[in-house]
Amino acid sequence: MQYFVRENIDKRAMLIAEDGHALSVFDSVDEAVATCIVECRVAPLWIEWSEAAAVECIDNDCVQQALSRHCRQH
């Protein structure tokens, strides 16, 4: 089975099975990914980031970092 993670606007994240069933809600994407790896023994196929993650940053470099989740400012 494959899984993906969807980030909500409030920065919480849902772990979702390939059939669309939401398995659990976590406080962060990192927590959802870690749980998927440990409990499901596979990394999620993809992560769907909320648009709010990119909006927080103002300059282009920071936006790119936010999209890749390596922004050190936020």
PDB file of N, CA and C in Angstrom:
ATOM      1  N   MET A   1       0.854  -1.184   0.000  1.00  0.00           N
ATOM      2  CA  MET A   1       0.000   0.000   0.000  1.00  0.00           C
ATOM      3  C   MET A   1       0.892   1.236   0.000  1.00  0.00           C
ATOM      4  N   GLN A   2       0.396   2.294  -0.597  1.00  0.00           N
ATOM      5  CA  GLN A   2       1.127   3.553  -0.623  1.00  0.00           C
ATOM      6  C   GLN A   2       0.348   4.608   0.148  1.00  0.00           C
ATOM      7  N   TYR A   3       1.093   5.613   0.601  1.00  0.00           N
ATOM      8  CA  TYR A   3       0.512   6.646   1.460  1.00  0.00           C
ATOM      9  C   TYR A   3       0.970   8.018   0.999  1.00  0.00           C
ATOM     10  N   PHE A   4       0.217   9.041   1.389  1.00  0.00           N
ATOM     11  CA  PHE A   4       0.686  10.409   1.202  1.00  0.00           C
ATOM     12  C   PHE A   4       0.305  11.236   2.404  1.00  0.00           C
ATOM     13  N   VAL A   5       0.945  12.387   2.516  1.00  0.00           N
ATOM     14  CA  VAL A   5       0.716  13.302   3.634  1.00  0.00           C
ATOM     15  C   VAL A   5       0.150  14.593   3.071  1.00  0.00           C
ATOM     16  N   ARG A   6      -0.883  15.100   3.701  1.00  0.00           N
ATOM     17  CA  ARG A   6      -1.489  16.379   3.294  1.00  0.00           C
ATOM     18  C   ARG A   6      -1.382  17.349   4.460  1.00  0.00           C
ATOM     19  N   GLU A   7      -0.722  18.491   4.194  1.00  0.00           N
ATOM     20  CA  GLU A   7      -0.605  19.532   5.220  1.00  0.00           C
ATOM     21  C   GLU A   7      -1.845  20.412   5.187  1.00  0.00           C
ATOM     22  N   ASN A   8      -2.419  20.671   6.352  1.00  0.00           N
ATOM     23  CA  ASN A   8      -3.562  21.573   6.469  1.00  0.00           C
ATOM     24  C   ASN A   8      -3.065  23.006   6.628  1.00  0.00           C
ATOM     25  N   ILE A   9      -3.947  23.960   6.474  1.00  0.00           N
ATOM     26  CA  ILE A   9      -3.585  25.367   6.627  1.00  0.00           C
ATOM     27  C   ILE A   9      -3.051  25.645   8.031  1.00  0.00           C
ATOM     28  N   ASP A  10      -3.546  24.922   9.029  1.00  0.00           N
ATOM     29  CA  ASP A  10      -3.088  25.123  10.407  1.00  0.00           C
ATOM     30  C   ASP A  10      -1.766  24.410  10.693  1.00  0.00           C
ATOM     31  N   LYS A  11      -1.107  23.888   9.656  1.00  0.00           N
ATOM     32  CA  LYS A  11       0.197  23.208   9.707  1.00  0.00           C
ATOM     33  C   LYS A  11       0.125  21.800  10.289  1.00  0.00           C
ATOM     34  N   ARG A  12      -1.070  21.354  10.677  1.00  0.00           N
ATOM     35  CA  ARG A  12      -1.206  19.951  11.061  1.00  0.00           C
ATOM     36  C   ARG A  12      -1.201  19.131   9.778  1.00  0.00           C
ATOM     37  N   ALA A  13      -0.993  17.841   9.893  1.00  0.00           N
ATOM     38  CA  ALA A  13      -0.877  17.008   8.702  1.00  0.00           C
ATOM     39  C   ALA A  13      -1.664  15.715   8.872  1.00  0.00           C
ATOM     40  N   MET A  14      -2.225  15.241   7.753  1.00  0.00           N
ATOM     41  CA  MET A  14      -2.950  13.977   7.751  1.00  0.00           C
ATOM     42  C   MET A  14      -2.152  12.949   6.968  1.00  0.00           C
ATOM     43  N   LEU A  15      -2.098  11.731   7.497  1.00  0.00           N
ATOM     44  CA  LEU A  15      -1.537  10.601   6.777  1.00  0.00           C
ATOM     45  C   LEU A  15      -2.710   9.920   6.085  1.00  0.00           C
ATOM     46  N   ILE A  16      -2.615   9.772   4.768  1.00  0.00           N
ATOM     47  CA  ILE A  16      -3.731   9.272   3.978  1.00  0.00           C
ATOM     48  C   ILE A  16      -3.294   8.056   3.169  1.00  0.00           C
ATOM     49  N   ALA A  17      -4.117   7.021   3.187  1.00  0.00           N
ATOM     50  CA  ALA A  17      -3.846   5.813   2.411  1.00  0.00           C
ATOM     51  C   ALA A  17      -4.173   6.067   0.946  1.00  0.00           C
ATOM     52  N   GLU A  18      -3.651   5.203   0.063  1.00  0.00           N
ATOM     53  CA  GLU A  18      -3.841   5.383  -1.371  1.00  0.00           C
ATOM     54  C   GLU A  18      -5.311   5.373  -1.786  1.00  0.00           C
ATOM     55  N   ASP A  19      -6.167   4.767  -0.982  1.00  0.00           N
ATOM     56  CA  ASP A  19      -7.599   4.744  -1.305  1.00  0.00           C
ATOM     57  C   ASP A  19      -8.322   6.000  -0.836  1.00  0.00           C
ATOM     58  N   GLY A  20      -7.562   6.963  -0.246  1.00  0.00           N
ATOM     59  CA  GLY A  20      -8.138   8.228   0.190  1.00  0.00           C
ATOM     60  C   GLY A  20      -8.588   8.247   1.639  1.00  0.00           C
ATOM     61  N   HIS A  21      -8.455   7.131   2.326  1.00  0.00           N
ATOM     62  CA  HIS A  21      -8.861   7.044   3.732  1.00  0.00           C
ATOM     63  C   HIS A  21      -7.835   7.746   4.622  1.00  0.00           C
ATOM     64  N   ALA A  22      -8.286   8.738   5.396  1.00  0.00           N
ATOM     65  CA  ALA A  22      -7.404   9.428   6.339  1.00  0.00           C
ATOM     66  C   ALA A  22      -7.141   8.517   7.522  1.00  0.00           C
ATOM     67  N   LEU A  23      -5.868   8.219   7.763  1.00  0.00           N
ATOM     68  CA  LEU A  23      -5.503   7.291   8.821  1.00  0.00           C
ATOM     69  C   LEU A  23      -5.313   7.969  10.165  1.00  0.00           C
ATOM     70  N   SER A  24      -4.726   9.169  10.141  1.00  0.00           N
ATOM     71  CA  SER A  24      -4.473   9.870  11.392  1.00  0.00           C
ATOM     72  C   SER A  24      -4.094  11.317  11.110  1.00  0.00           C
ATOM     73  N   VAL A  25      -4.221  12.153  12.137  1.00  0.00           N
ATOM     74  CA  VAL A  25      -3.831  13.560  12.040  1.00  0.00           C
ATOM     75  C   VAL A  25      -2.666  13.790  12.998  1.00  0.00           C
ATOM     76  N   PHE A  26      -1.669  14.552  12.544  1.00  0.00           N
ATOM     77  CA  PHE A  26      -0.463  14.804  13.325  1.00  0.00           C
ATOM     78  C   PHE A  26      -0.251  16.300  13.483  1.00  0.00           C
ATOM     79  N   ASP A  27       0.593  16.673  14.423  1.00  0.00           N
ATOM     80  CA  ASP A  27       0.879  18.086  14.671  1.00  0.00           C
ATOM     81  C   ASP A  27       1.742  18.718  13.589  1.00  0.00           C
ATOM     82  N   SER A  28       2.439  17.895  12.804  1.00  0.00           N
ATOM     83  CA  SER A  28       3.307  18.437  11.756  1.00  0.00           C
ATOM     84  C   SER A  28       3.497  17.415  10.643  1.00  0.00           C
ATOM     85  N   VAL A  29       3.970  17.894   9.505  1.00  0.00           N
ATOM     86  CA  VAL A  29       4.295  17.015   8.387  1.00  0.00           C
ATOM     87  C   VAL A  29       5.419  16.072   8.789  1.00  0.00           C
ATOM     88  N   ASP A  30       6.410  16.606   9.489  1.00  0.00           N
ATOM     89  CA  ASP A  30       7.540  15.770   9.907  1.00  0.00           C
ATOM     90  C   ASP A  30       7.077  14.583  10.750  1.00  0.00           C
ATOM     91  N   GLU A  31       6.155  14.839  11.654  1.00  0.00           N
ATOM     92  CA  GLU A  31       5.638  13.769  12.512  1.00  0.00           C
ATOM     93  C   GLU A  31       4.863  12.736  11.681  1.00  0.00           C
ATOM     94  N   ALA A  32       4.086  13.203  10.723  1.00  0.00           N
ATOM     95  CA  ALA A  32       3.320  12.290   9.860  1.00  0.00           C
ATOM     96  C   ALA A  32       4.248  11.419   9.021  1.00  0.00           C
ATOM     97  N   VAL A  33       5.291  12.022   8.457  1.00  0.00           N
ATOM     98  CA  VAL A  33       6.248  11.275   7.639  1.00  0.00           C
ATOM     99  C   VAL A  33       6.984  10.250   8.491  1.00  0.00           C
ATOM    100  N   ALA A  34       7.450  10.663   9.656  1.00  0.00           N
ATOM    101  CA  ALA A  34       8.176   9.748  10.544  1.00  0.00           C
ATOM    102  C   ALA A  34       7.294   8.569  10.954  1.00  0.00           C
ATOM    103  N   THR A  35       6.044   8.834  11.268  1.00  0.00           N
ATOM    104  CA  THR A  35       5.126   7.764  11.655  1.00  0.00           C
ATOM    105  C   THR A  35       4.878   6.815  10.492  1.00  0.00           C
ATOM    106  N   CYS A  36       4.730   7.359   9.305  1.00  0.00           N
ATOM    107  CA  CYS A  36       4.529   6.529   8.118  1.00  0.00           C
ATOM    108  C   CYS A  36       5.712   5.591   7.920  1.00  0.00           C
ATOM    109  N   ILE A  37       6.909   6.120   8.054  1.00  0.00           N
ATOM    110  CA  ILE A  37       8.118   5.307   7.863  1.00  0.00           C
ATOM    111  C   ILE A  37       8.211   4.207   8.920  1.00  0.00           C
ATOM    112  N   VAL A  38       7.944   4.562  10.172  1.00  0.00           N
ATOM    113  CA  VAL A  38       8.074   3.590  11.257  1.00  0.00           C
ATOM    114  C   VAL A  38       6.927   2.574  11.254  1.00  0.00           C
ATOM    115  N   GLU A  39       5.699   3.058  11.191  1.00  0.00           N
ATOM    116  CA  GLU A  39       4.541   2.179  11.336  1.00  0.00           C
ATOM    117  C   GLU A  39       4.159   1.448  10.042  1.00  0.00           C
ATOM    118  N   CYS A  40       4.291   2.133   8.927  1.00  0.00           N
ATOM    119  CA  CYS A  40       3.898   1.527   7.642  1.00  0.00           C
ATOM    120  C   CYS A  40       5.098   0.929   6.904  1.00  0.00           C
ATOM    121  N   ARG A  41       6.282   1.232   7.402  1.00  0.00           N
ATOM    122  CA  ARG A  41       7.540   0.735   6.833  1.00  0.00           C
ATOM    123  C   ARG A  41       7.772   1.180   5.393  1.00  0.00           C
ATOM    124  N   VAL A  42       7.286   2.377   5.096  1.00  0.00           N
ATOM    125  CA  VAL A  42       7.490   2.970   3.775  1.00  0.00           C
ATOM    126  C   VAL A  42       7.358   4.488   3.898  1.00  0.00           C
ATOM    127  N   ALA A  43       8.131   5.196   3.106  1.00  0.00           N
ATOM    128  CA  ALA A  43       7.995   6.657   3.080  1.00  0.00           C
ATOM    129  C   ALA A  43       6.758   7.019   2.270  1.00  0.00           C
ATOM    130  N   PRO A  44       6.103   8.116   2.605  1.00  0.00           N
ATOM    131  CA  PRO A  44       4.938   8.524   1.822  1.00  0.00           C
ATOM    132  C   PRO A  44       5.339   8.794   0.373  1.00  0.00           C
ATOM    133  N   LEU A  45       4.439   8.489  -0.542  1.00  0.00           N
ATOM    134  CA  LEU A  45       4.693   8.667  -1.967  1.00  0.00           C
ATOM    135  C   LEU A  45       4.869  10.142  -2.311  1.00  0.00           C
ATOM    136  N   TRP A  46       4.072  11.001  -1.681  1.00  0.00           N
ATOM    137  CA  TRP A  46       4.224  12.434  -1.860  1.00  0.00           C
ATOM    138  C   TRP A  46       3.665  13.180  -0.663  1.00  0.00           C
ATOM    139  N   ILE A  47       4.031  14.475  -0.606  1.00  0.00           N
ATOM    140  CA  ILE A  47       3.533  15.370   0.439  1.00  0.00           C
ATOM    141  C   ILE A  47       2.831  16.526  -0.263  1.00  0.00           C
ATOM    142  N   GLU A  48       1.609  16.769   0.126  1.00  0.00           N
ATOM    143  CA  GLU A  48       0.826  17.882  -0.427  1.00  0.00           C
ATOM    144  C   GLU A  48       0.888  19.026   0.574  1.00  0.00           C
ATOM    145  N   TRP A  49       1.668  20.059   0.234  1.00  0.00           N
ATOM    146  CA  TRP A  49       1.856  21.203   1.134  1.00  0.00           C
ATOM    147  C   TRP A  49       0.705  22.178   0.997  1.00  0.00           C
ATOM    148  N   SER A  50       0.343  22.827   2.100  1.00  0.00           N
ATOM    149  CA  SER A  50      -0.687  23.865   2.038  1.00  0.00           C
ATOM    150  C   SER A  50      -0.083  25.113   1.407  1.00  0.00           C
ATOM    151  N   GLU A  51      -0.900  25.915   0.777  1.00  0.00           N
ATOM    152  CA  GLU A  51      -0.420  27.149   0.162  1.00  0.00           C
ATOM    153  C   GLU A  51       0.077  28.130   1.207  1.00  0.00           C
ATOM    154  N   ALA A  52      -0.400  28.014   2.428  1.00  0.00           N
ATOM    155  CA  ALA A  52       0.004  28.934   3.494  1.00  0.00           C
ATOM    156  C   ALA A  52       1.497  28.838   3.784  1.00  0.00           C
ATOM    157  N   ALA A  53       2.107  27.679   3.554  1.00  0.00           N
ATOM    158  CA  ALA A  53       3.536  27.506   3.817  1.00  0.00           C
ATOM    159  C   ALA A  53       4.368  28.439   2.945  1.00  0.00           C
ATOM    160  N   ALA A  54       3.975  28.623   1.710  1.00  0.00           N
ATOM    161  CA  ALA A  54       4.722  29.484   0.795  1.00  0.00           C
ATOM    162  C   ALA A  54       4.409  30.956   1.024  1.00  0.00           C
ATOM    163  N   VAL A  55       3.213  31.272   1.477  1.00  0.00           N
ATOM    164  CA  VAL A  55       2.802  32.657   1.653  1.00  0.00           C
ATOM    165  C   VAL A  55       3.527  33.332   2.805  1.00  0.00           C
ATOM    166  N   GLU A  56       3.964  32.567   3.811  1.00  0.00           N
ATOM    167  CA  GLU A  56       4.624  33.151   4.975  1.00  0.00           C
ATOM    168  C   GLU A  56       5.934  33.844   4.609  1.00  0.00           C
ATOM    169  N   CYS A  57       6.619  33.361   3.603  1.00  0.00           N
ATOM    170  CA  CYS A  57       7.917  33.908   3.221  1.00  0.00           C
ATOM    171  C   CYS A  57       7.737  34.986   2.169  1.00  0.00           C
ATOM    172  N   ILE A  58       8.600  35.998   2.218  1.00  0.00           N
ATOM    173  CA  ILE A  58       8.442  37.136   1.313  1.00  0.00           C
ATOM    174  C   ILE A  58       9.387  37.070   0.129  1.00  0.00           C
ATOM    175  N   ASP A  59      10.684  36.877   0.350  1.00  0.00           N
ATOM    176  CA  ASP A  59      11.609  36.893  -0.776  1.00  0.00           C
ATOM    177  C   ASP A  59      11.667  35.537  -1.477  1.00  0.00           C
ATOM    178  N   ASN A  60      12.136  35.549  -2.732  1.00  0.00           N
ATOM    179  CA  ASN A  60      12.148  34.346  -3.561  1.00  0.00           C
ATOM    180  C   ASN A  60      12.943  33.211  -2.960  1.00  0.00           C
ATOM    181  N   ASP A  61      14.129  33.498  -2.420  1.00  0.00           N
ATOM    182  CA  ASP A  61      14.946  32.442  -1.841  1.00  0.00           C
ATOM    183  C   ASP A  61      14.210  31.774  -0.689  1.00  0.00           C
ATOM    184  N   CYS A  62      13.558  32.565   0.119  1.00  0.00           N
ATOM    185  CA  CYS A  62      12.835  32.035   1.262  1.00  0.00           C
ATOM    186  C   CYS A  62      11.625  31.216   0.802  1.00  0.00           C
ATOM    187  N   VAL A  63      10.957  31.661  -0.264  1.00  0.00           N
ATOM    188  CA  VAL A  63       9.813  30.915  -0.790  1.00  0.00           C
ATOM    189  C   VAL A  63      10.268  29.542  -1.248  1.00  0.00           C
ATOM    190  N   GLN A  64      11.372  29.480  -1.967  1.00  0.00           N
ATOM    191  CA  GLN A  64      11.889  28.190  -2.421  1.00  0.00           C
ATOM    192  C   GLN A  64      12.236  27.299  -1.239  1.00  0.00           C
ATOM    193  N   GLN A  65      12.815  27.882  -0.200  1.00  0.00           N
ATOM    194  CA  GLN A  65      13.154  27.107   0.990  1.00  0.00           C
ATOM    195  C   GLN A  65      11.888  26.611   1.684  1.00  0.00           C
ATOM    196  N   ALA A  66      10.872  27.448   1.751  1.00  0.00           N
ATOM    197  CA  ALA A  66       9.622  27.051   2.404  1.00  0.00           C
ATOM    198  C   ALA A  66       8.969  25.909   1.648  1.00  0.00           C
ATOM    199  N   LEU A  67       9.007  25.979   0.325  1.00  0.00           N
ATOM    200  CA  LEU A  67       8.410  24.916  -0.466  1.00  0.00           C
ATOM    201  C   LEU A  67       9.150  23.598  -0.282  1.00  0.00           C
ATOM    202  N   SER A  68      10.432  23.690  -0.028  1.00  0.00           N
ATOM    203  CA  SER A  68      11.207  22.469   0.211  1.00  0.00           C
ATOM    204  C   SER A  68      11.307  22.158   1.698  1.00  0.00           C
ATOM    205  N   ARG A  69      10.678  22.964   2.532  1.00  0.00           N
ATOM    206  CA  ARG A  69      10.611  22.813   3.981  1.00  0.00           C
ATOM    207  C   ARG A  69      11.963  22.942   4.660  1.00  0.00           C
ATOM    208  N   HIS A  70      12.823  23.812   4.103  1.00  0.00           N
ATOM    209  CA  HIS A  70      14.109  24.053   4.733  1.00  0.00           C
ATOM    210  C   HIS A  70      14.256  25.521   5.124  1.00  0.00           C
ATOM    211  N   CYS A  71      13.163  26.228   5.196  1.00  0.00           N
ATOM    212  CA  CYS A  71      13.195  27.638   5.556  1.00  0.00           C
ATOM    213  C   CYS A  71      13.613  27.767   7.022  1.00  0.00           C
ATOM    214  N   ARG A  72      14.667  28.497   7.272  1.00  0.00           N
ATOM    215  CA  ARG A  72      15.181  28.641   8.634  1.00  0.00           C
ATOM    216  C   ARG A  72      14.528  29.817   9.366  1.00  0.00           C
ATOM    217  N   GLN A  73      13.806  30.674   8.639  1.00  0.00           N
ATOM    218  CA  GLN A  73      13.211  31.852   9.271  1.00  0.00           C
ATOM    219  C   GLN A  73      11.836  31.570   9.848  1.00  0.00           C
ATOM    220  N   HIS A  74      11.130  30.564   9.359  1.00  0.00           N
ATOM    221  CA  HIS A  74       9.745  30.358   9.787  1.00  0.00           C
ATOM    222  C   HIS A  74       9.571  28.953  10.304  1.00  0.00           C
TER     223      HIS A  74
END
